[in-house]
Amino acid sequence: MATVTHHRFTVSEYEQMIGLGILTENERVELIRGEVVEKMVIGPLHSATVKRINRLLTTKLLDLAIVSVQDPIVLEDSEPEPDFALLVPRDDFYSQAKPKSPDVRLVIEVADTSLAYDREIKLPLYADAGIQEYWIINLAEFKVEVYRQPSTSGSYTSRTDYCRGDFLSPVAFPEASLAIDLMLG
């Protein structure tokens, strides 16, 4: 059996490929742990949930955070494009540089077919980057999985599940009480 060799890219090399047009915005890829990975296809339920949550977050957080939707964040060896990242407000809206982990207050992934990937690949990625809070909108089980307190072992030390009828506030924005019913539709 032949050995498969993977070439790992740095964030800088990945950015160069984008800048040179080797990778374009029409290609649904992201850099995960040095590998260019194809993103999953977004179906109508996923898409509708993103729109619903975008409206909810934008309304509730107003000037408290920038709600970034399916845009890249720069981590040490990755440039994922989470469904949402709540960012520290900046006057330039990150036009001069993409947000990095210290700029991120919360990452949210919407998971229907991507649940295993969001738990097994994205969760350790965000924990390793020191992102304080990570939510998975679990559409298969109609709940929101909330991970807090990243550890150095690539996991979070706290997990709490929220279901219909519950309310949830991001740690960074305790004044923003979000109804799980509104997130799940």
N, C-alpha and C. Protein backbone atom coordinates (compact mmCIF):
# COMPACT_ATOMS: atom_id res chain seq x y z
N MET A 1 0.84 -1.17 0.00
CA MET A 1 0.00 0.00 0.00
C MET A 1 0.89 1.24 0.00
N ALA A 2 0.55 2.21 -0.82
CA ALA A 2 1.33 3.44 -0.94
C ALA A 2 1.09 4.34 0.26
N THR A 3 2.11 5.04 0.65
CA THR A 3 2.01 6.00 1.74
C THR A 3 1.50 7.32 1.17
N VAL A 4 0.53 7.89 1.84
CA VAL A 4 -0.03 9.17 1.43
C VAL A 4 0.70 10.26 2.19
N THR A 5 1.22 11.23 1.46
CA THR A 5 1.91 12.35 2.07
C THR A 5 0.99 13.56 2.05
N HIS A 6 0.82 14.14 3.20
CA HIS A 6 0.01 15.36 3.30
C HIS A 6 0.95 16.54 3.43
N HIS A 7 0.67 17.60 2.70
CA HIS A 7 1.43 18.82 2.86
C HIS A 7 0.66 19.73 3.80
N ARG A 8 1.31 20.15 4.85
CA ARG A 8 0.68 21.07 5.79
C ARG A 8 1.05 22.50 5.41
N PHE A 9 0.05 23.35 5.42
CA PHE A 9 0.23 24.75 5.08
C PHE A 9 0.20 25.59 6.34
N THR A 10 0.97 26.65 6.34
CA THR A 10 0.87 27.64 7.41
C THR A 10 -0.30 28.57 7.08
N VAL A 11 -0.72 29.33 8.05
CA VAL A 11 -1.77 30.32 7.80
C VAL A 11 -1.28 31.31 6.74
N SER A 12 -0.03 31.67 6.80
CA SER A 12 0.55 32.61 5.83
C SER A 12 0.51 32.04 4.41
N GLU A 13 0.87 30.77 4.26
CA GLU A 13 0.82 30.13 2.93
C GLU A 13 -0.61 30.04 2.42
N TYR A 14 -1.53 29.73 3.31
CA TYR A 14 -2.95 29.66 2.96
C TYR A 14 -3.43 31.03 2.48
N GLU A 15 -3.06 32.08 3.21
CA GLU A 15 -3.43 33.44 2.83
C GLU A 15 -2.84 33.80 1.46
N GLN A 16 -1.61 33.36 1.20
CA GLN A 16 -0.98 33.62 -0.09
C GLN A 16 -1.75 32.93 -1.22
N MET A 17 -2.20 31.70 -0.98
CA MET A 17 -2.99 30.99 -2.00
C MET A 17 -4.28 31.73 -2.31
N ILE A 18 -4.88 32.33 -1.29
CA ILE A 18 -6.09 33.13 -1.51
C ILE A 18 -5.73 34.39 -2.28
N GLY A 19 -4.66 35.06 -1.85
CA GLY A 19 -4.23 36.30 -2.49
C GLY A 19 -3.85 36.13 -3.95
N LEU A 20 -3.29 34.96 -4.29
CA LEU A 20 -2.89 34.69 -5.67
C LEU A 20 -4.03 34.13 -6.53
N GLY A 21 -5.18 33.88 -5.91
CA GLY A 21 -6.31 33.34 -6.66
C GLY A 21 -6.28 31.83 -6.83
N ILE A 22 -5.34 31.16 -6.17
CA ILE A 22 -5.30 29.69 -6.23
C ILE A 22 -6.54 29.13 -5.55
N LEU A 23 -6.89 29.75 -4.43
CA LEU A 23 -8.15 29.44 -3.75
C LEU A 23 -9.01 30.68 -3.86
N THR A 24 -10.27 30.49 -4.24
CA THR A 24 -11.17 31.64 -4.39
C THR A 24 -12.31 31.54 -3.39
N GLU A 25 -13.06 32.63 -3.27
CA GLU A 25 -14.19 32.63 -2.34
C GLU A 25 -15.30 31.68 -2.78
N ASN A 26 -15.27 31.24 -4.03
CA ASN A 26 -16.28 30.29 -4.51
C ASN A 26 -15.97 28.85 -4.07
N GLU A 27 -14.74 28.62 -3.62
CA GLU A 27 -14.38 27.30 -3.13
C GLU A 27 -14.71 27.22 -1.66
N ARG A 28 -15.45 26.22 -1.28
CA ARG A 28 -15.89 26.08 0.10
C ARG A 28 -14.85 25.29 0.89
N VAL A 29 -13.76 25.98 1.24
CA VAL A 29 -12.68 25.34 1.99
C VAL A 29 -12.29 26.21 3.17
N GLU A 30 -11.61 25.58 4.12
CA GLU A 30 -11.04 26.29 5.26
C GLU A 30 -9.76 25.56 5.67
N LEU A 31 -8.88 26.24 6.35
CA LEU A 31 -7.63 25.65 6.82
C LEU A 31 -7.83 25.13 8.23
N ILE A 32 -7.66 23.81 8.39
CA ILE A 32 -7.82 23.18 9.70
C ILE A 32 -6.55 22.40 10.02
N ARG A 33 -5.84 22.85 11.04
CA ARG A 33 -4.61 22.20 11.49
C ARG A 33 -3.63 22.00 10.33
N GLY A 34 -3.51 23.02 9.49
CA GLY A 34 -2.55 23.00 8.40
C GLY A 34 -3.03 22.33 7.12
N GLU A 35 -4.22 21.77 7.12
CA GLU A 35 -4.75 21.12 5.92
C GLU A 35 -5.92 21.92 5.35
N VAL A 36 -5.95 22.04 4.03
CA VAL A 36 -7.07 22.68 3.36
C VAL A 36 -8.18 21.64 3.28
N VAL A 37 -9.29 21.93 3.96
CA VAL A 37 -10.38 20.98 4.11
C VAL A 37 -11.63 21.54 3.43
N GLU A 38 -12.30 20.69 2.67
CA GLU A 38 -13.55 21.10 2.04
C GLU A 38 -14.65 21.19 3.10
N LYS A 39 -15.40 22.28 3.08
CA LYS A 39 -16.50 22.46 4.02
C LYS A 39 -17.71 21.68 3.55
N MET A 40 -18.53 21.30 4.51
CA MET A 40 -19.73 20.53 4.19
C MET A 40 -20.75 21.43 3.49
N VAL A 41 -21.58 20.80 2.70
CA VAL A 41 -22.65 21.51 2.00
C VAL A 41 -23.68 21.98 3.02
N ILE A 42 -24.16 23.18 2.83
CA ILE A 42 -25.16 23.74 3.74
C ILE A 42 -26.55 23.49 3.17
N GLY A 43 -27.36 22.77 3.94
CA GLY A 43 -28.73 22.47 3.53
C GLY A 43 -29.69 23.54 4.02
N PRO A 44 -30.97 23.43 3.64
CA PRO A 44 -31.95 24.46 3.99
C PRO A 44 -32.17 24.62 5.49
N LEU A 45 -32.16 23.54 6.27
CA LEU A 45 -32.37 23.65 7.72
C LEU A 45 -31.20 24.38 8.36
N HIS A 46 -29.99 24.03 7.98
CA HIS A 46 -28.79 24.70 8.49
C HIS A 46 -28.84 26.19 8.12
N SER A 47 -29.12 26.47 6.88
CA SER A 47 -29.17 27.85 6.39
C SER A 47 -30.22 28.68 7.13
N ALA A 48 -31.40 28.11 7.31
CA ALA A 48 -32.47 28.82 8.02
C ALA A 48 -32.09 29.08 9.48
N THR A 49 -31.43 28.11 10.10
CA THR A 49 -31.00 28.27 11.49
C THR A 49 -29.97 29.38 11.61
N VAL A 50 -29.04 29.45 10.67
CA VAL A 50 -28.03 30.52 10.68
C VAL A 50 -28.72 31.87 10.57
N LYS A 51 -29.68 31.99 9.67
CA LYS A 51 -30.40 33.26 9.51
C LYS A 51 -31.15 33.64 10.80
N ARG A 52 -31.79 32.65 11.40
CA ARG A 52 -32.57 32.89 12.62
C ARG A 52 -31.65 33.36 13.76
N ILE A 53 -30.53 32.66 13.94
CA ILE A 53 -29.61 33.02 15.02
C ILE A 53 -28.94 34.36 14.74
N ASN A 54 -28.64 34.63 13.49
CA ASN A 54 -28.04 35.92 13.14
C ASN A 54 -28.97 37.06 13.57
N ARG A 55 -30.23 36.92 13.27
CA ARG A 55 -31.19 37.96 13.65
C ARG A 55 -31.27 38.11 15.17
N LEU A 56 -31.30 36.97 15.86
CA LEU A 56 -31.38 36.98 17.32
C LEU A 56 -30.13 37.63 17.94
N LEU A 57 -28.96 37.22 17.50
CA LEU A 57 -27.72 37.76 18.07
C LEU A 57 -27.55 39.24 17.76
N THR A 58 -27.83 39.61 16.54
CA THR A 58 -27.69 41.01 16.14
C THR A 58 -28.63 41.90 16.96
N THR A 59 -29.84 41.43 17.17
CA THR A 59 -30.82 42.19 17.94
C THR A 59 -30.42 42.29 19.41
N LYS A 60 -29.99 41.19 19.99
CA LYS A 60 -29.68 41.15 21.43
C LYS A 60 -28.36 41.82 21.78
N LEU A 61 -27.39 41.74 20.87
CA LEU A 61 -26.05 42.23 21.22
C LEU A 61 -25.75 43.63 20.72
N LEU A 62 -26.54 44.15 19.82
CA LEU A 62 -26.39 45.51 19.29
C LEU A 62 -24.94 45.94 19.21
N ASP A 63 -24.51 46.84 20.07
CA ASP A 63 -23.14 47.37 20.03
C ASP A 63 -22.17 46.63 20.95
N LEU A 64 -22.61 45.56 21.58
CA LEU A 64 -21.74 44.83 22.50
C LEU A 64 -20.70 43.99 21.78
N ALA A 65 -21.04 43.50 20.59
CA ALA A 65 -20.13 42.61 19.85
C ALA A 65 -20.40 42.76 18.36
N ILE A 66 -19.41 42.38 17.58
CA ILE A 66 -19.60 42.24 16.14
C ILE A 66 -20.00 40.80 15.91
N VAL A 67 -21.13 40.60 15.26
CA VAL A 67 -21.59 39.24 14.94
C VAL A 67 -21.03 38.89 13.57
N SER A 68 -20.05 38.01 13.56
CA SER A 68 -19.40 37.58 12.33
C SER A 68 -20.06 36.27 11.87
N VAL A 69 -20.53 36.24 10.64
CA VAL A 69 -21.28 35.09 10.12
C VAL A 69 -20.48 34.40 9.02
N GLN A 70 -20.08 33.16 9.28
CA GLN A 70 -19.37 32.32 8.32
C GLN A 70 -18.16 33.02 7.71
N ASP A 71 -17.44 33.77 8.55
CA ASP A 71 -16.22 34.46 8.15
C ASP A 71 -15.04 33.82 8.87
N PRO A 72 -13.84 33.95 8.31
CA PRO A 72 -12.67 33.31 8.92
C PRO A 72 -12.20 33.99 10.19
N ILE A 73 -11.65 33.17 11.07
CA ILE A 73 -10.89 33.64 12.22
C ILE A 73 -9.52 32.97 12.11
N VAL A 74 -8.48 33.68 12.51
CA VAL A 74 -7.13 33.16 12.37
C VAL A 74 -6.67 32.57 13.70
N LEU A 75 -6.31 31.29 13.66
CA LEU A 75 -5.75 30.60 14.82
C LEU A 75 -4.32 30.21 14.47
N GLU A 76 -3.63 29.57 15.36
CA GLU A 76 -2.20 29.29 15.16
C GLU A 76 -1.92 28.57 13.84
N ASP A 77 -2.61 27.46 13.58
CA ASP A 77 -2.36 26.67 12.38
C ASP A 77 -3.63 26.46 11.56
N SER A 78 -4.60 27.32 11.77
CA SER A 78 -5.91 27.12 11.16
C SER A 78 -6.56 28.45 10.83
N GLU A 79 -7.49 28.38 9.89
CA GLU A 79 -8.33 29.53 9.58
C GLU A 79 -9.74 29.03 9.31
N PRO A 80 -10.41 28.60 10.40
CA PRO A 80 -11.77 28.08 10.23
C PRO A 80 -12.75 29.21 9.94
N GLU A 81 -13.90 28.84 9.41
CA GLU A 81 -14.98 29.78 9.14
C GLU A 81 -16.22 29.31 9.89
N PRO A 82 -16.26 29.59 11.19
CA PRO A 82 -17.41 29.12 11.98
C PRO A 82 -18.69 29.80 11.53
N ASP A 83 -19.80 29.16 11.84
CA ASP A 83 -21.09 29.78 11.49
C ASP A 83 -21.21 31.15 12.14
N PHE A 84 -20.75 31.28 13.39
CA PHE A 84 -20.76 32.56 14.08
C PHE A 84 -19.52 32.71 14.93
N ALA A 85 -19.03 33.93 15.00
CA ALA A 85 -18.03 34.31 15.98
C ALA A 85 -18.47 35.66 16.52
N LEU A 86 -18.59 35.76 17.82
CA LEU A 86 -18.88 37.05 18.45
C LEU A 86 -17.54 37.69 18.77
N LEU A 87 -17.31 38.84 18.16
CA LEU A 87 -16.01 39.50 18.21
C LEU A 87 -16.03 40.76 19.05
N VAL A 88 -14.87 41.09 19.60
CA VAL A 88 -14.68 42.37 20.28
C VAL A 88 -14.94 43.46 19.25
N PRO A 89 -15.76 44.45 19.59
CA PRO A 89 -16.02 45.53 18.62
C PRO A 89 -14.76 46.30 18.27
N ARG A 90 -14.65 46.63 16.99
CA ARG A 90 -13.58 47.49 16.49
C ARG A 90 -14.18 48.45 15.48
N ASP A 91 -13.69 49.67 15.48
CA ASP A 91 -14.21 50.68 14.56
C ASP A 91 -14.05 50.28 13.10
N ASP A 92 -12.99 49.55 12.77
CA ASP A 92 -12.75 49.17 11.37
C ASP A 92 -13.43 47.86 10.98
N PHE A 93 -14.18 47.24 11.91
CA PHE A 93 -14.87 45.98 11.65
C PHE A 93 -13.92 44.91 11.08
N TYR A 94 -12.67 44.95 11.50
CA TYR A 94 -11.64 43.98 11.09
C TYR A 94 -11.31 44.08 9.61
N SER A 95 -11.37 45.28 9.07
CA SER A 95 -11.03 45.46 7.65
C SER A 95 -9.52 45.42 7.42
N GLN A 96 -8.73 45.67 8.46
CA GLN A 96 -7.27 45.68 8.32
C GLN A 96 -6.64 44.32 8.58
N ALA A 97 -7.32 43.46 9.30
CA ALA A 97 -6.80 42.13 9.61
C ALA A 97 -7.94 41.26 10.10
N LYS A 98 -7.86 39.98 9.78
CA LYS A 98 -8.88 39.05 10.24
C LYS A 98 -8.77 38.88 11.75
N PRO A 99 -9.91 38.61 12.41
CA PRO A 99 -9.86 38.42 13.86
C PRO A 99 -9.04 37.19 14.24
N LYS A 100 -8.39 37.30 15.40
CA LYS A 100 -7.60 36.20 15.96
C LYS A 100 -8.26 35.76 17.26
N SER A 101 -7.80 34.69 17.83
CA SER A 101 -8.47 34.12 19.01
C SER A 101 -8.69 35.12 20.15
N PRO A 102 -7.77 36.06 20.45
CA PRO A 102 -8.08 37.02 21.52
C PRO A 102 -9.26 37.95 21.20
N ASP A 103 -9.60 38.07 19.93
CA ASP A 103 -10.73 38.91 19.51
C ASP A 103 -12.07 38.20 19.64
N VAL A 104 -12.04 36.89 19.83
CA VAL A 104 -13.24 36.06 19.79
C VAL A 104 -13.77 35.81 21.19
N ARG A 105 -15.03 36.16 21.41
CA ARG A 105 -15.68 35.92 22.70
C ARG A 105 -16.50 34.64 22.72
N LEU A 106 -16.98 34.22 21.56
CA LEU A 106 -17.81 33.02 21.46
C LEU A 106 -17.79 32.55 20.02
N VAL A 107 -17.70 31.23 19.84
CA VAL A 107 -17.84 30.62 18.53
C VAL A 107 -19.06 29.71 18.57
N ILE A 108 -19.84 29.76 17.50
CA ILE A 108 -21.04 28.91 17.39
C ILE A 108 -20.99 28.17 16.06
N GLU A 109 -21.20 26.87 16.12
CA GLU A 109 -21.36 26.06 14.91
C GLU A 109 -22.77 25.49 14.92
N VAL A 110 -23.42 25.53 13.77
CA VAL A 110 -24.73 24.91 13.59
C VAL A 110 -24.47 23.52 13.01
N ALA A 111 -25.00 22.50 13.67
CA ALA A 111 -24.68 21.13 13.28
C ALA A 111 -25.95 20.34 12.97
N ASP A 112 -26.03 19.90 11.75
CA ASP A 112 -27.03 18.89 11.41
C ASP A 112 -26.24 17.66 10.97
N THR A 113 -25.69 17.66 9.77
CA THR A 113 -24.86 16.54 9.32
C THR A 113 -23.42 16.65 9.81
N SER A 114 -23.03 17.79 10.35
CA SER A 114 -21.63 18.02 10.76
C SER A 114 -21.40 17.81 12.25
N LEU A 115 -22.32 17.21 12.97
CA LEU A 115 -22.22 17.12 14.43
C LEU A 115 -20.93 16.44 14.89
N ALA A 116 -20.58 15.30 14.33
CA ALA A 116 -19.36 14.60 14.74
C ALA A 116 -18.13 15.46 14.45
N TYR A 117 -18.09 16.10 13.30
CA TYR A 117 -16.97 16.96 12.93
C TYR A 117 -16.84 18.15 13.89
N ASP A 118 -17.98 18.75 14.22
CA ASP A 118 -17.97 19.90 15.11
C ASP A 118 -17.53 19.52 16.52
N ARG A 119 -17.81 18.29 16.95
CA ARG A 119 -17.37 17.82 18.27
C ARG A 119 -15.92 17.33 18.26
N GLU A 120 -15.56 16.57 17.23
CA GLU A 120 -14.27 15.89 17.23
C GLU A 120 -13.13 16.70 16.64
N ILE A 121 -13.41 17.60 15.72
CA ILE A 121 -12.37 18.39 15.06
C ILE A 121 -12.42 19.85 15.52
N LYS A 122 -13.58 20.47 15.42
CA LYS A 122 -13.69 21.89 15.74
C LYS A 122 -13.56 22.15 17.24
N LEU A 123 -14.17 21.35 18.09
CA LEU A 123 -14.10 21.58 19.53
C LEU A 123 -12.66 21.62 20.03
N PRO A 124 -11.81 20.60 19.76
CA PRO A 124 -10.42 20.70 20.23
C PRO A 124 -9.66 21.86 19.59
N LEU A 125 -9.99 22.19 18.36
CA LEU A 125 -9.34 23.31 17.67
C LEU A 125 -9.60 24.62 18.43
N TYR A 126 -10.86 24.87 18.77
CA TYR A 126 -11.22 26.09 19.47
C TYR A 126 -10.69 26.09 20.91
N ALA A 127 -10.72 24.93 21.57
CA ALA A 127 -10.18 24.84 22.93
C ALA A 127 -8.68 25.12 22.94
N ASP A 128 -7.95 24.51 22.00
CA ASP A 128 -6.50 24.74 21.91
C ASP A 128 -6.18 26.22 21.68
N ALA A 129 -7.07 26.91 20.96
CA ALA A 129 -6.86 28.34 20.67
C ALA A 129 -7.23 29.22 21.85
N GLY A 130 -7.78 28.63 22.91
CA GLY A 130 -8.15 29.40 24.09
C GLY A 130 -9.45 30.15 23.97
N ILE A 131 -10.28 29.76 23.01
CA ILE A 131 -11.60 30.40 22.86
C ILE A 131 -12.44 29.99 24.07
N GLN A 132 -12.89 30.98 24.81
CA GLN A 132 -13.50 30.75 26.12
C GLN A 132 -14.84 30.01 26.08
N GLU A 133 -15.54 30.13 24.97
CA GLU A 133 -16.88 29.54 24.92
C GLU A 133 -17.18 29.08 23.49
N TYR A 134 -17.76 27.89 23.39
CA TYR A 134 -18.08 27.28 22.10
C TYR A 134 -19.45 26.63 22.22
N TRP A 135 -20.35 27.00 21.29
CA TRP A 135 -21.68 26.40 21.28
C TRP A 135 -21.85 25.57 20.01
N ILE A 136 -22.49 24.43 20.16
CA ILE A 136 -22.93 23.64 19.01
C ILE A 136 -24.45 23.64 19.03
N ILE A 137 -25.04 24.21 17.98
CA ILE A 137 -26.50 24.17 17.83
C ILE A 137 -26.80 22.81 17.21
N ASN A 138 -27.17 21.86 18.05
CA ASN A 138 -27.35 20.46 17.67
C ASN A 138 -28.78 20.28 17.15
N LEU A 139 -28.93 20.35 15.83
CA LEU A 139 -30.25 20.26 15.22
C LEU A 139 -30.82 18.85 15.25
N ALA A 140 -29.95 17.84 15.33
CA ALA A 140 -30.42 16.45 15.37
C ALA A 140 -31.13 16.13 16.68
N GLU A 141 -30.66 16.73 17.77
CA GLU A 141 -31.22 16.43 19.09
C GLU A 141 -31.96 17.63 19.68
N PHE A 142 -32.15 18.68 18.90
CA PHE A 142 -32.89 19.88 19.32
C PHE A 142 -32.38 20.44 20.64
N LYS A 143 -31.06 20.69 20.70
CA LYS A 143 -30.48 21.28 21.89
C LYS A 143 -29.26 22.11 21.52
N VAL A 144 -28.80 22.89 22.46
CA VAL A 144 -27.58 23.66 22.30
C VAL A 144 -26.57 23.12 23.30
N GLU A 145 -25.44 22.66 22.78
CA GLU A 145 -24.35 22.16 23.63
C GLU A 145 -23.42 23.35 23.91
N VAL A 146 -23.21 23.66 25.16
CA VAL A 146 -22.39 24.81 25.53
C VAL A 146 -21.12 24.31 26.22
N TYR A 147 -19.99 24.66 25.62
CA TYR A 147 -18.68 24.27 26.15
C TYR A 147 -17.98 25.52 26.65
N ARG A 148 -17.45 25.43 27.88
CA ARG A 148 -16.77 26.57 28.48
C ARG A 148 -15.50 26.10 29.18
N GLN A 149 -14.62 27.04 29.46
CA GLN A 149 -13.38 26.80 30.18
C GLN A 149 -12.46 25.85 29.41
N PRO A 150 -11.79 26.37 28.38
CA PRO A 150 -10.88 25.52 27.61
C PRO A 150 -9.70 25.07 28.46
N SER A 151 -9.26 23.84 28.22
CA SER A 151 -8.10 23.31 28.94
C SER A 151 -6.94 23.18 27.96
N THR A 152 -5.78 22.93 28.48
CA THR A 152 -4.59 22.79 27.63
C THR A 152 -4.57 21.45 26.91
N SER A 153 -5.50 20.57 27.23
CA SER A 153 -5.54 19.24 26.60
C SER A 153 -6.46 19.20 25.38
N GLY A 154 -6.88 20.36 24.88
CA GLY A 154 -7.71 20.39 23.68
C GLY A 154 -9.16 20.02 23.92
N SER A 155 -9.64 20.35 25.10
CA SER A 155 -11.05 20.11 25.40
C SER A 155 -11.54 21.26 26.29
N TYR A 156 -12.78 21.19 26.65
CA TYR A 156 -13.36 22.16 27.57
C TYR A 156 -13.71 21.42 28.85
N THR A 157 -13.55 22.09 29.99
CA THR A 157 -13.81 21.42 31.27
C THR A 157 -15.28 21.47 31.67
N SER A 158 -16.07 22.27 30.95
CA SER A 158 -17.48 22.39 31.29
C SER A 158 -18.34 22.20 30.04
N ARG A 159 -19.35 21.35 30.17
CA ARG A 159 -20.35 21.19 29.11
C ARG A 159 -21.73 21.20 29.76
N THR A 160 -22.60 22.03 29.21
CA THR A 160 -23.99 22.08 29.65
C THR A 160 -24.86 22.07 28.42
N ASP A 161 -25.91 21.27 28.44
CA ASP A 161 -26.86 21.21 27.33
C ASP A 161 -28.11 22.01 27.69
N TYR A 162 -28.58 22.79 26.72
CA TYR A 162 -29.79 23.59 26.89
C TYR A 162 -30.83 23.11 25.88
N CYS A 163 -32.07 23.00 26.34
CA CYS A 163 -33.16 22.48 25.50
C CYS A 163 -34.26 23.54 25.38
N ARG A 164 -35.26 23.19 24.58
CA ARG A 164 -36.41 24.09 24.42
C ARG A 164 -36.95 24.49 25.79
N GLY A 165 -37.34 25.76 25.90
CA GLY A 165 -37.83 26.30 27.17
C GLY A 165 -36.73 26.94 28.02
N ASP A 166 -35.47 26.63 27.70
CA ASP A 166 -34.34 27.20 28.44
C ASP A 166 -33.92 28.54 27.85
N PHE A 167 -33.18 29.29 28.66
CA PHE A 167 -32.57 30.54 28.22
C PHE A 167 -31.07 30.43 28.47
N LEU A 168 -30.29 31.09 27.63
CA LEU A 168 -28.84 30.98 27.68
C LEU A 168 -28.23 32.35 27.44
N SER A 169 -27.20 32.67 28.21
CA SER A 169 -26.45 33.91 28.01
C SER A 169 -24.99 33.58 27.78
N PRO A 170 -24.36 34.21 26.79
CA PRO A 170 -22.92 34.02 26.62
C PRO A 170 -22.19 34.57 27.86
N VAL A 171 -21.11 33.91 28.24
CA VAL A 171 -20.33 34.35 29.40
C VAL A 171 -19.90 35.80 29.24
N ALA A 172 -19.46 36.18 28.05
CA ALA A 172 -18.97 37.54 27.81
C ALA A 172 -20.09 38.58 27.81
N PHE A 173 -21.34 38.12 27.65
CA PHE A 173 -22.48 39.04 27.55
C PHE A 173 -23.64 38.52 28.41
N PRO A 174 -23.47 38.52 29.74
CA PRO A 174 -24.50 37.94 30.60
C PRO A 174 -25.84 38.66 30.52
N GLU A 175 -25.83 39.90 30.06
CA GLU A 175 -27.09 40.66 29.94
C GLU A 175 -27.92 40.22 28.73
N ALA A 176 -27.35 39.42 27.85
CA ALA A 176 -28.06 38.99 26.65
C ALA A 176 -28.65 37.59 26.87
N SER A 177 -29.88 37.54 27.30
CA SER A 177 -30.56 36.27 27.54
C SER A 177 -31.22 35.81 26.23
N LEU A 178 -30.80 34.63 25.76
CA LEU A 178 -31.27 34.12 24.47
C LEU A 178 -32.16 32.89 24.69
N ALA A 179 -33.34 32.91 24.09
CA ALA A 179 -34.27 31.78 24.21
C ALA A 179 -33.85 30.67 23.25
N ILE A 180 -33.68 29.49 23.79
CA ILE A 180 -33.31 28.33 22.97
C ILE A 180 -34.38 28.08 21.91
N ASP A 181 -35.64 28.29 22.27
CA ASP A 181 -36.74 28.10 21.30
C ASP A 181 -36.52 28.96 20.05
N LEU A 182 -36.02 30.18 20.23
CA LEU A 182 -35.80 31.06 19.08
C LEU A 182 -34.62 30.60 18.24
N MET A 183 -33.64 29.94 18.85
CA MET A 183 -32.50 29.43 18.10
C MET A 183 -32.86 28.20 17.28
N LEU A 184 -33.67 27.34 17.87
CA LEU A 184 -34.00 26.07 17.20
C LEU A 184 -35.20 26.19 16.26
N GLY A 185 -35.95 27.26 16.37
CA GLY A 185 -37.06 27.48 15.45
C GLY A 185 -38.30 26.73 15.80
